[in-house]
């Protein structure tokens, strides 16, 4: 037993200059610092666990940032932007004279009088227009059946008890409000009754949309064919429900065409069926493994990896944190380089692309200390899709992220939140077809109502291309 221990047991104070005591003191200080650090990490993990438990029970997404920005961006346009104002109307329907001869305060006659122009754009009071069709009918002795006439403006041959119908303009607007803007049926009916003085029940809109989809299927197929000819297509999916069965709403979108389809599968068969075996463009996707088996050229969303690395940086420490920050820096440098493509010479841009490629390869072959399990999983994910992360550096039409698909998926998420999903497979088909046509019309600057009017009034289904519609 050492002399220091004997002195402590005897109640004596050891000398401060004793090397053994100094070593014990340093070890004690190191252990206390380590305990404090572990307690801090334990408190942080406990806070995150409680936050995740609350998030699992929350019915809505968080409406604020957990860590607000220190210097948030000022609202409005940037300083020095070009001025914008509402232009002068091309057509004036009414002219109102607003005279003023004396001062409204002191009643003194005015001098240096001038006339200024102001335009007010509004809509007149709306009154429903009722059209009565006197349809001639008769019996054909040769065909041995009754026949009746049909005007091009009619959308149905029903007479008698079903002779009073809602017109195609109202039905088209109701379909767009429901399937593009996500307004529930009952609110659409409320709006029609309040502002248009037309009483419509939700079942009327549902049955009309089913008839519209029967006529629109050839046009929907044209959208799919147009999508297959696009150079860049974005794909994404979100959870859906058909009755009580889990399903998935898929979106496939280019800059001019968007197609929605609701399927019970989240596998690779859905994008294969939508894009076909001969798709020669670039499919921009996220990290879903269902896309891995597809033989198409793909571009991976860098934004998903940056979010993943951001979460890892907050969790990890030491060499693992440094390792994750390195790949984070490489991907951010690549995105910044793509934004400066037009500012650099072709040779200078190519040299910088090779430097980014070399940094990414170096990160994948890094032989430092053995990283943790989360970092190894990240490295395997990056290595498995090595040729897909930086495709946007070589093709200016390929973006670095899959943000376009997420934005096109957002209306469906809002519709799911407000009005629910579908109660039947037929309802899922109706939503997929009408949402695809309405959103594609919006992308191309067309009016969905013009397409729906032509389909409603057609006695048989026909393929009407969105590109052939007049500009909205």
Protein backbone atom coordinates (compact mmCIF):
# COMPACT_ATOMS: atom_id res chain seq x y z
CA UNK A 1 0.00 0.00 0.00
CA UNK A 2 1.40 3.38 -1.00
CA UNK A 3 2.39 6.02 1.49
CA UNK A 4 -0.22 8.46 0.14
CA UNK A 5 -3.01 6.00 0.80
CA UNK A 6 -1.68 5.34 4.34
CA UNK A 7 -1.53 9.07 5.01
CA UNK A 8 -5.13 9.53 3.77
CA UNK A 9 -6.32 6.61 5.93
CA UNK A 10 -4.55 8.13 8.92
CA UNK A 11 -6.29 11.45 8.35
CA UNK A 12 -3.17 13.29 7.23
CA UNK A 13 -3.17 15.58 4.22
CA UNK A 14 -0.75 14.44 1.55
CA UNK A 15 1.72 16.87 0.18
CA UNK A 16 0.50 18.93 -2.76
CA UNK A 17 3.79 18.30 -4.45
CA UNK A 18 3.34 14.53 -4.39
CA UNK A 19 3.38 13.17 -7.98
CA UNK A 20 0.82 10.49 -7.13
CA UNK A 21 -1.67 13.00 -5.75
CA UNK A 22 -1.19 15.28 -8.72
CA UNK A 23 -1.89 12.36 -11.07
CA UNK A 24 -5.00 11.40 -9.11
CA UNK A 25 -6.24 14.97 -9.21
CA UNK A 26 -5.77 15.21 -12.96
CA UNK A 27 -7.54 11.89 -13.47
CA UNK A 28 -10.37 13.04 -11.23
CA UNK A 29 -10.74 16.30 -13.19
CA UNK A 30 -10.73 14.39 -16.51
CA UNK A 31 -13.41 11.99 -15.27
CA UNK A 32 -15.56 14.83 -13.99
CA UNK A 33 -15.33 16.60 -17.37
CA UNK A 34 -16.23 13.37 -19.13
CA UNK A 35 -19.20 12.79 -16.81
CA UNK A 36 -20.42 16.33 -17.46
CA UNK A 37 -20.13 15.79 -21.22
CA UNK A 38 -21.96 12.47 -21.04
CA UNK A 39 -24.71 14.04 -18.93
CA UNK A 40 -25.03 16.82 -21.49
CA UNK A 41 -25.29 14.30 -24.33
CA UNK A 42 -27.82 12.27 -22.33
CA UNK A 43 -29.96 15.36 -21.77
CA UNK A 44 -29.83 16.20 -25.48
CA UNK A 45 -30.81 12.65 -26.45
CA UNK A 46 -33.63 12.71 -23.89
CA UNK A 47 -34.89 15.98 -25.37
CA UNK A 48 -34.82 14.55 -28.89
CA UNK A 49 -36.60 11.38 -27.76
CA UNK A 50 -39.38 13.41 -26.16
CA UNK A 51 -39.59 15.56 -29.29
CA UNK A 52 -39.94 12.49 -31.52
CA UNK A 53 -42.60 11.05 -29.23
CA UNK A 54 -44.57 14.29 -29.43
CA UNK A 55 -44.12 14.40 -33.22
CA UNK A 56 -45.57 10.89 -33.52
CA UNK A 57 -48.74 12.03 -31.75
CA UNK A 58 -48.98 15.37 -33.57
CA UNK A 59 -51.67 15.49 -36.26
CA UNK A 60 -50.18 18.45 -38.10
CA UNK A 61 -46.66 19.30 -39.19
CA UNK A 62 -44.68 21.83 -37.13
CA UNK A 63 -45.55 25.40 -38.10
CA UNK A 64 -42.26 26.97 -36.99
CA UNK A 65 -38.55 26.28 -37.10
CA UNK A 66 -36.89 24.70 -34.08
CA UNK A 67 -33.80 26.86 -34.68
CA UNK A 68 -34.77 30.25 -36.19
CA UNK A 69 -32.22 31.91 -38.45
CA UNK A 70 -30.05 34.53 -36.81
CA UNK A 71 -30.38 36.84 -39.84
CA UNK A 72 -33.60 35.92 -41.65
CA UNK A 73 -34.22 37.13 -45.17
CA UNK A 74 -36.21 40.34 -45.37
CA UNK A 75 -39.72 39.94 -46.80
CA UNK A 76 -40.46 41.24 -50.27
CA UNK A 77 -38.33 41.50 -53.36
CA UNK A 78 -34.61 42.13 -53.29
CA UNK A 79 -33.30 45.69 -53.43
CA UNK A 80 -32.96 47.03 -56.95
CA UNK A 81 -35.54 44.75 -58.56
CA UNK A 82 -37.40 45.91 -61.65
CA UNK A 83 -40.59 47.80 -60.90
CA UNK A 84 -43.92 46.08 -61.40
CA UNK A 85 -47.42 47.45 -61.70
CA UNK A 86 -50.79 46.39 -63.07
CA UNK A 87 -51.01 47.35 -66.71
CA UNK A 88 -53.70 49.44 -68.32
CA UNK A 89 -56.73 47.33 -69.33
CA UNK A 90 -57.15 46.72 -73.04
CA UNK A 91 -60.93 47.01 -72.82
CA UNK A 92 -63.05 49.53 -70.88
CA UNK A 93 -66.72 48.61 -70.44
CA UNK A 94 -67.96 51.58 -68.44
CA UNK A 95 -66.75 55.16 -68.00
CA UNK A 96 -67.66 57.05 -64.83
CA UNK A 97 -67.21 60.81 -64.58
CA UNK A 98 -66.12 62.00 -61.13
CA UNK A 99 -66.52 65.81 -61.08
CA UNK A 100 -65.10 68.09 -58.41
CA UNK A 101 -65.65 71.84 -58.78
CA UNK A 102 -64.99 73.09 -55.21
CA UNK A 103 -62.79 72.05 -52.31
CA UNK A 104 -64.69 69.49 -50.19
CA UNK A 105 -63.30 71.11 -47.01
CA UNK A 106 -63.75 74.85 -47.47
CA UNK A 107 -65.98 74.99 -50.58
CA UNK A 108 -63.50 77.19 -52.48
CA UNK A 109 -63.60 76.86 -56.30
CA UNK A 110 -60.61 74.86 -57.60
CA UNK A 111 -57.90 76.21 -59.89
CA UNK A 112 -55.50 74.37 -62.24
CA UNK A 113 -57.93 71.53 -62.57
CA UNK A 114 -56.81 68.21 -64.17
CA UNK A 115 -58.38 64.87 -64.98
CA UNK A 116 -56.73 61.65 -63.81
CA UNK A 117 -57.62 58.16 -64.98
CA UNK A 118 -58.20 55.16 -62.77
CA UNK A 119 -59.31 51.67 -63.78
CA UNK A 120 -61.13 49.22 -61.55
CA UNK A 121 -61.29 45.57 -62.63
CA UNK A 122 -64.14 43.56 -61.16
CA UNK A 123 -66.79 41.03 -62.11
CA UNK A 124 -70.47 41.91 -62.57
CA UNK A 125 -73.23 40.31 -60.51
CA UNK A 126 -73.62 36.70 -61.61
CA UNK A 127 -77.02 35.32 -62.52
CA UNK A 128 -77.39 31.69 -63.63
CA UNK A 129 -78.24 31.27 -67.29
CA UNK A 130 -80.89 28.62 -67.98
CA UNK A 131 -81.10 27.12 -71.47
CA UNK A 132 -84.16 25.14 -72.51
CA UNK A 133 -83.58 22.53 -75.21
CA UNK A 134 -86.68 21.48 -77.17
CA UNK A 135 -85.49 18.10 -78.39
CA UNK A 136 -87.34 16.44 -81.23
CA UNK A 137 -87.64 12.67 -80.99
CA UNK A 138 -89.40 9.92 -82.90
CA UNK A 139 -89.52 6.31 -83.90
CA UNK A 140 -87.45 4.99 -86.82
CA UNK A 141 -89.37 2.26 -88.71
CA UNK A 142 -86.15 0.99 -90.29
CA UNK A 143 -83.97 0.84 -87.17
CA UNK A 144 -87.00 -0.01 -85.07
CA UNK A 145 -85.97 2.20 -82.18
CA UNK A 146 -86.66 5.64 -80.82
CA UNK A 147 -84.13 8.37 -81.61
CA UNK A 148 -83.80 11.99 -80.52
CA UNK A 149 -81.79 15.00 -81.58
CA UNK A 150 -78.77 16.39 -79.77
CA UNK A 151 -77.32 19.89 -79.79
CA UNK A 152 -73.50 20.27 -79.58
CA UNK A 153 -73.95 22.22 -76.35
CA UNK A 154 -75.73 19.35 -74.58
CA UNK A 155 -73.81 17.07 -72.21
CA UNK A 156 -76.51 14.42 -71.76
CA UNK A 157 -79.51 12.86 -73.53
CA UNK A 158 -81.51 12.53 -70.30
CA UNK A 159 -85.09 13.88 -70.30
CA UNK A 160 -88.10 13.57 -68.06
CA UNK A 161 -87.29 13.37 -64.36
CA UNK A 162 -83.58 13.89 -65.14
CA UNK A 163 -84.21 16.71 -67.57
CA UNK A 164 -82.96 19.50 -65.28
CA UNK A 165 -79.18 19.37 -65.25
CA UNK A 166 -76.15 21.34 -64.14
CA UNK A 167 -74.22 22.76 -67.09
CA UNK A 168 -70.66 21.85 -68.10
CA UNK A 169 -69.12 25.16 -67.00
CA UNK A 170 -70.16 24.68 -63.38
CA UNK A 171 -69.18 21.01 -63.43
CA UNK A 172 -65.77 21.82 -64.92
CA UNK A 173 -65.06 24.47 -62.32
CA UNK A 174 -66.16 22.12 -59.56
CA UNK A 175 -63.81 19.41 -60.86
CA UNK A 176 -60.85 21.79 -60.94
CA UNK A 177 -61.60 23.16 -57.48
CA UNK A 178 -61.67 19.62 -56.10
CA UNK A 179 -58.82 17.89 -57.91
CA UNK A 180 -56.33 20.72 -58.51
CA UNK A 181 -56.99 23.07 -55.61
CA UNK A 182 -58.14 20.51 -53.03
CA UNK A 183 -61.48 22.13 -52.04
CA UNK A 184 -63.93 19.59 -50.53
CA UNK A 185 -67.18 18.88 -52.36
CA UNK A 186 -69.41 20.43 -49.70
CA UNK A 187 -67.44 23.68 -49.70
CA UNK A 188 -67.67 23.81 -53.50
CA UNK A 189 -71.45 23.43 -53.26
CA UNK A 190 -71.54 26.11 -50.57
CA UNK A 191 -69.56 28.50 -52.80
CA UNK A 192 -71.85 27.85 -55.78
CA UNK A 193 -74.97 28.46 -53.69
CA UNK A 194 -73.61 31.61 -52.02
CA UNK A 195 -72.02 33.42 -54.95
CA UNK A 196 -73.58 31.87 -58.06
CA UNK A 197 -77.12 31.22 -56.76
CA UNK A 198 -76.99 27.61 -57.98
CA UNK A 199 -77.93 24.75 -55.68
CA UNK A 200 -75.73 21.70 -56.29
CA UNK A 201 -75.38 18.63 -54.09
CA UNK A 202 -72.03 16.83 -53.73
CA UNK A 203 -73.35 13.64 -55.33
CA UNK A 204 -74.06 15.60 -58.53
CA UNK A 205 -70.39 16.60 -58.78
CA UNK A 206 -69.22 13.05 -58.04
CA UNK A 207 -71.37 11.46 -60.76
CA UNK A 208 -70.48 14.17 -63.27
CA UNK A 209 -66.75 13.63 -62.66
CA UNK A 210 -67.15 9.90 -63.23
CA UNK A 211 -68.76 10.62 -66.62
CA UNK A 212 -66.01 13.12 -67.38
CA UNK A 213 -63.29 10.57 -66.66
CA UNK A 214 -64.87 8.05 -69.04
CA UNK A 215 -64.55 10.64 -71.79
CA UNK A 216 -61.09 11.80 -70.63
CA UNK A 217 -59.22 8.48 -70.54
CA UNK A 218 -57.88 8.85 -74.13
CA UNK A 219 -56.65 12.34 -73.29
CA UNK A 220 -55.03 11.00 -70.10
CA UNK A 221 -53.22 8.41 -72.21
CA UNK A 222 -51.92 11.23 -74.43
CA UNK A 223 -50.42 12.84 -71.32
CA UNK A 224 -48.59 9.63 -70.51
CA UNK A 225 -47.23 9.41 -74.05
CA UNK A 226 -46.08 13.04 -73.86
CA UNK A 227 -44.39 12.35 -70.53
CA UNK A 228 -42.43 9.44 -72.01
CA UNK A 229 -40.96 11.78 -74.62
CA UNK A 230 -39.69 14.32 -72.07
CA UNK A 231 -35.97 14.66 -71.46
CA UNK A 232 -36.23 15.12 -67.67
CA UNK A 233 -38.97 13.58 -65.53
CA UNK A 234 -39.29 13.93 -61.75
CA UNK A 235 -40.89 11.17 -59.69
CA UNK A 236 -42.10 11.03 -56.11
CA UNK A 237 -44.81 9.33 -54.05
CA UNK A 238 -46.78 9.79 -50.85
CA UNK A 239 -49.05 7.65 -48.73
CA UNK A 240 -52.72 7.35 -49.69
CA UNK A 241 -55.79 5.36 -48.65
CA UNK A 242 -58.47 3.65 -50.69
CA UNK A 243 -61.26 2.81 -48.28
CA UNK A 244 -59.33 1.13 -45.43
CA UNK A 245 -56.44 -0.17 -47.55
CA UNK A 246 -53.03 1.50 -47.74
CA UNK A 247 -52.07 2.80 -51.16
CA UNK A 248 -49.63 5.28 -52.74
CA UNK A 249 -50.17 8.37 -54.84
CA UNK A 250 -47.37 8.69 -57.41
CA UNK A 251 -46.48 11.81 -59.38
CA UNK A 252 -44.43 11.90 -62.59
CA UNK A 253 -43.81 15.43 -63.75
CA UNK A 254 -41.82 17.40 -66.30
CA UNK A 255 -41.90 21.15 -66.86
CA UNK A 256 -44.99 20.84 -69.12
CA UNK A 257 -46.72 17.55 -68.19
CA UNK A 258 -47.75 16.04 -64.86
CA UNK A 259 -49.34 12.62 -64.39
CA UNK A 260 -50.79 11.33 -61.11
CA UNK A 261 -51.62 7.69 -60.50
CA UNK A 262 -52.83 5.95 -57.34
CA UNK A 263 -51.67 2.36 -56.87
CA UNK A 264 -51.55 -0.19 -54.09
CA UNK A 265 -47.85 -0.78 -54.83
CA UNK A 266 -44.77 1.25 -54.00
CA UNK A 267 -42.55 -0.97 -56.12
CA UNK A 268 -40.62 -0.34 -59.32
CA UNK A 269 -43.48 -1.68 -61.44
CA UNK A 270 -45.35 1.63 -61.18
CA UNK A 271 -42.66 3.88 -62.77
CA UNK A 272 -41.96 1.15 -65.33
CA UNK A 273 -45.62 1.09 -66.35
CA UNK A 274 -45.85 4.88 -66.54
CA UNK A 275 -42.60 5.59 -68.41
CA UNK A 276 -42.40 2.42 -70.47
CA UNK A 277 -39.38 0.24 -71.30
CA UNK A 278 -37.96 2.65 -73.91
CA UNK A 279 -37.80 5.82 -71.80
CA UNK A 280 -34.61 7.60 -72.91
CA UNK A 281 -34.68 10.62 -70.63
CA UNK A 282 -33.36 11.24 -67.12
CA UNK A 283 -35.49 10.26 -64.14
CA UNK A 284 -34.85 12.49 -61.11
CA UNK A 285 -35.68 10.62 -57.89
CA UNK A 286 -35.08 10.56 -54.15
CA UNK A 287 -33.57 7.71 -52.13
CA UNK A 288 -36.42 5.17 -52.51
CA UNK A 289 -34.91 1.76 -53.27
CA UNK A 290 -37.69 0.91 -55.72
CA UNK A 291 -35.94 3.11 -58.30
CA UNK A 292 -32.63 1.24 -58.02
CA UNK A 293 -33.62 -1.63 -60.32
CA UNK A 294 -34.77 0.67 -63.13
CA UNK A 295 -32.52 0.74 -66.17
CA UNK A 296 -33.16 4.43 -66.87
CA UNK A 297 -30.60 7.17 -66.49
CA UNK A 298 -31.26 8.69 -63.09
CA UNK A 299 -30.37 11.80 -61.18
CA UNK A 300 -30.43 11.55 -57.39
CA UNK A 301 -31.76 14.34 -55.21
CA UNK A 302 -28.85 16.04 -53.46
CA UNK A 303 -31.25 17.86 -51.14
CA UNK A 304 -32.28 14.62 -49.44
CA UNK A 305 -28.65 13.75 -48.68
CA UNK A 306 -27.95 17.25 -47.37
CA UNK A 307 -30.89 16.99 -44.98
CA UNK A 308 -29.66 13.57 -43.87
CA UNK A 309 -26.10 14.81 -43.31
CA UNK A 310 -27.42 17.86 -41.44
CA UNK A 311 -29.18 15.58 -38.97
CA UNK A 312 -26.06 13.42 -38.59
CA UNK A 313 -23.84 16.44 -37.92
CA UNK A 314 -26.06 17.37 -34.96
CA UNK A 315 -25.90 13.83 -33.57
CA UNK A 316 -22.25 12.89 -34.14
CA UNK A 317 -18.99 14.13 -32.66
CA UNK A 318 -15.30 13.83 -33.39
CA UNK A 319 -14.03 12.15 -36.55
CA UNK A 320 -17.50 10.93 -37.58
CA UNK A 321 -18.81 14.48 -37.58
CA UNK A 322 -15.83 15.63 -39.62
CA UNK A 323 -16.38 12.80 -42.11
CA UNK A 324 -20.02 13.79 -42.66
CA UNK A 325 -19.18 17.50 -42.95
CA UNK A 326 -16.70 16.66 -45.72
CA UNK A 327 -19.28 15.09 -48.04
CA UNK A 328 -21.70 17.87 -47.12
CA UNK A 329 -19.15 20.41 -48.32
CA UNK A 330 -18.53 18.52 -51.58
CA UNK A 331 -22.23 18.42 -52.49
CA UNK A 332 -22.78 22.07 -51.62
CA UNK A 333 -19.77 23.04 -53.71
CA UNK A 334 -21.22 21.05 -56.64
CA UNK A 335 -24.58 22.85 -56.37
CA UNK A 336 -22.86 26.25 -56.21
CA UNK A 337 -20.78 25.32 -59.25
CA UNK A 338 -23.90 24.41 -61.25
CA UNK A 339 -25.36 27.85 -60.51
CA UNK A 340 -22.21 29.51 -61.89
CA UNK A 341 -22.17 27.45 -65.08
CA UNK A 342 -22.92 30.43 -67.37
CA UNK A 343 -20.35 32.66 -65.65
CA UNK A 344 -17.38 30.34 -66.32
CA UNK A 345 -15.63 29.38 -69.51
CA UNK A 346 -16.20 25.86 -70.78
CA UNK A 347 -12.65 24.87 -69.91
CA UNK A 348 -12.76 26.45 -66.46
CA UNK A 349 -16.09 24.87 -65.67
CA UNK A 350 -14.87 21.43 -66.79
CA UNK A 351 -11.77 21.74 -64.59
CA UNK A 352 -13.87 22.57 -61.54
CA UNK A 353 -16.21 19.66 -62.26
CA UNK A 354 -13.24 17.30 -62.26
CA UNK A 355 -12.10 18.74 -58.94
CA UNK A 356 -15.51 18.07 -57.40
CA UNK A 357 -15.50 14.53 -58.79
CA UNK A 358 -12.04 13.92 -57.33
CA UNK A 359 -13.11 15.21 -53.89
CA UNK A 360 -16.12 12.91 -53.87
CA UNK A 361 -13.97 9.91 -54.87
CA UNK A 362 -11.45 10.80 -52.19
CA UNK A 363 -14.21 10.92 -49.60
CA UNK A 364 -15.42 7.46 -50.60
CA UNK A 365 -11.90 6.01 -50.33
CA UNK A 366 -10.99 7.80 -47.09
CA UNK A 367 -8.97 5.51 -44.77
CA UNK A 368 -9.14 7.26 -41.43
CA UNK A 369 -10.45 5.79 -38.21
CA UNK A 370 -13.26 3.29 -38.52
CA UNK A 371 -16.49 5.38 -38.76
CA UNK A 372 -19.66 4.58 -36.86
CA UNK A 373 -22.61 2.61 -38.16
CA UNK A 374 -24.60 5.67 -39.30
CA UNK A 375 -21.66 7.06 -41.23
CA UNK A 376 -20.94 3.68 -42.83
CA UNK A 377 -24.58 3.46 -43.92
CA UNK A 378 -24.31 6.95 -45.47
CA UNK A 379 -21.09 6.04 -47.29
CA UNK A 380 -22.64 2.87 -48.73
CA UNK A 381 -25.64 4.87 -49.95
CA UNK A 382 -23.44 7.47 -51.66
CA UNK A 383 -21.20 4.79 -53.22
CA UNK A 384 -24.16 2.76 -54.52
CA UNK A 385 -25.32 5.73 -56.64
CA UNK A 386 -21.95 7.28 -57.37
CA UNK A 387 -22.73 8.19 -61.00
CA UNK A 388 -26.12 9.74 -60.20
CA UNK A 389 -25.30 12.40 -57.61
CA UNK A 390 -23.44 14.81 -59.91
CA UNK A 391 -25.35 14.26 -63.16
CA UNK A 392 -26.67 17.82 -62.91
CA UNK A 393 -23.13 19.11 -63.48
CA UNK A 394 -23.06 17.61 -66.98
CA UNK A 395 -26.65 18.24 -68.13
CA UNK A 396 -28.00 21.77 -67.51
CA UNK A 397 -31.61 20.53 -67.82
CA UNK A 398 -31.16 18.11 -64.90
CA UNK A 399 -31.62 19.86 -61.54
CA UNK A 400 -29.66 19.02 -58.41
CA UNK A 401 -32.76 18.26 -56.35
CA UNK A 402 -36.16 16.62 -56.73
CA UNK A 403 -37.90 19.75 -55.49
CA UNK A 404 -40.12 19.94 -58.60
CA UNK A 405 -41.79 16.60 -57.82
CA UNK A 406 -42.27 17.57 -54.19
CA UNK A 407 -43.97 20.81 -55.22
CA UNK A 408 -46.24 18.97 -57.65
CA UNK A 409 -47.04 16.49 -54.88
CA UNK A 410 -47.94 19.22 -52.40
CA UNK A 411 -51.52 19.85 -53.70
CA UNK A 412 -52.29 16.14 -53.27
CA UNK A 413 -51.01 16.28 -49.69
CA UNK A 414 -53.25 19.26 -48.99
CA UNK A 415 -56.19 17.48 -50.59
CA UNK A 416 -55.50 14.43 -48.42
CA UNK A 417 -55.33 16.57 -45.30
CA UNK A 418 -58.51 18.57 -45.94
CA UNK A 419 -60.81 16.22 -47.81
CA UNK A 420 -59.36 12.79 -47.08
CA UNK A 421 -58.39 10.20 -49.65
CA UNK A 422 -60.75 7.94 -51.66
CA UNK A 423 -63.48 5.55 -50.62
CA UNK A 424 -63.27 3.39 -53.76
CA UNK A 425 -60.93 2.43 -56.59
CA UNK A 426 -63.16 4.38 -59.00
CA UNK A 427 -62.72 7.49 -56.88
CA UNK A 428 -58.93 7.01 -56.97
CA UNK A 429 -58.99 6.73 -60.77
CA UNK A 430 -61.15 9.86 -61.03
CA UNK A 431 -58.75 11.86 -58.87
CA UNK A 432 -55.66 10.66 -60.74
CA UNK A 433 -57.05 11.42 -64.19
CA UNK A 434 -58.66 14.80 -63.46
CA UNK A 435 -55.75 16.06 -61.33
CA UNK A 436 -53.33 15.12 -64.12
CA UNK A 437 -55.31 16.97 -66.79
CA UNK A 438 -55.96 20.04 -64.61
CA UNK A 439 -52.34 20.44 -63.47
CA UNK A 440 -50.94 19.85 -66.96
CA UNK A 441 -53.27 22.51 -68.36
CA UNK A 442 -52.04 24.92 -65.69
CA UNK A 443 -48.40 24.16 -66.53
CA UNK A 444 -48.97 24.91 -70.21
CA UNK A 445 -50.97 28.07 -69.63
CA UNK A 446 -54.24 26.47 -70.74
CA UNK A 447 -57.65 26.41 -69.10
CA UNK A 448 -58.85 23.05 -67.82
CA UNK A 449 -62.41 24.25 -68.35
CA UNK A 450 -61.90 24.39 -72.14
CA UNK A 451 -60.75 20.77 -72.16
CA UNK A 452 -63.55 19.66 -69.84
CA UNK A 453 -66.21 21.43 -71.93
CA UNK A 454 -65.08 19.61 -75.06
CA UNK A 455 -65.06 16.28 -73.23
CA UNK A 456 -68.45 16.82 -71.59
CA UNK A 457 -70.07 17.69 -74.91
CA UNK A 458 -68.52 14.83 -76.85
CA UNK A 459 -71.01 11.95 -77.31
CA UNK A 460 -68.12 9.44 -77.35
CA UNK A 461 -64.67 9.45 -75.64
CA UNK A 462 -62.01 11.15 -77.70
CA UNK A 463 -58.33 12.04 -77.31
CA UNK A 464 -57.97 15.82 -76.97
CA UNK A 465 -54.34 16.93 -76.54
CA UNK A 466 -53.70 19.65 -73.98
CA UNK A 467 -51.24 21.27 -76.40
CA UNK A 468 -54.07 21.89 -78.86
CA UNK A 469 -56.14 24.01 -76.47
CA UNK A 470 -56.20 27.80 -76.79
CA UNK A 471 -54.07 29.76 -74.36
CA UNK A 472 -55.86 30.54 -71.12
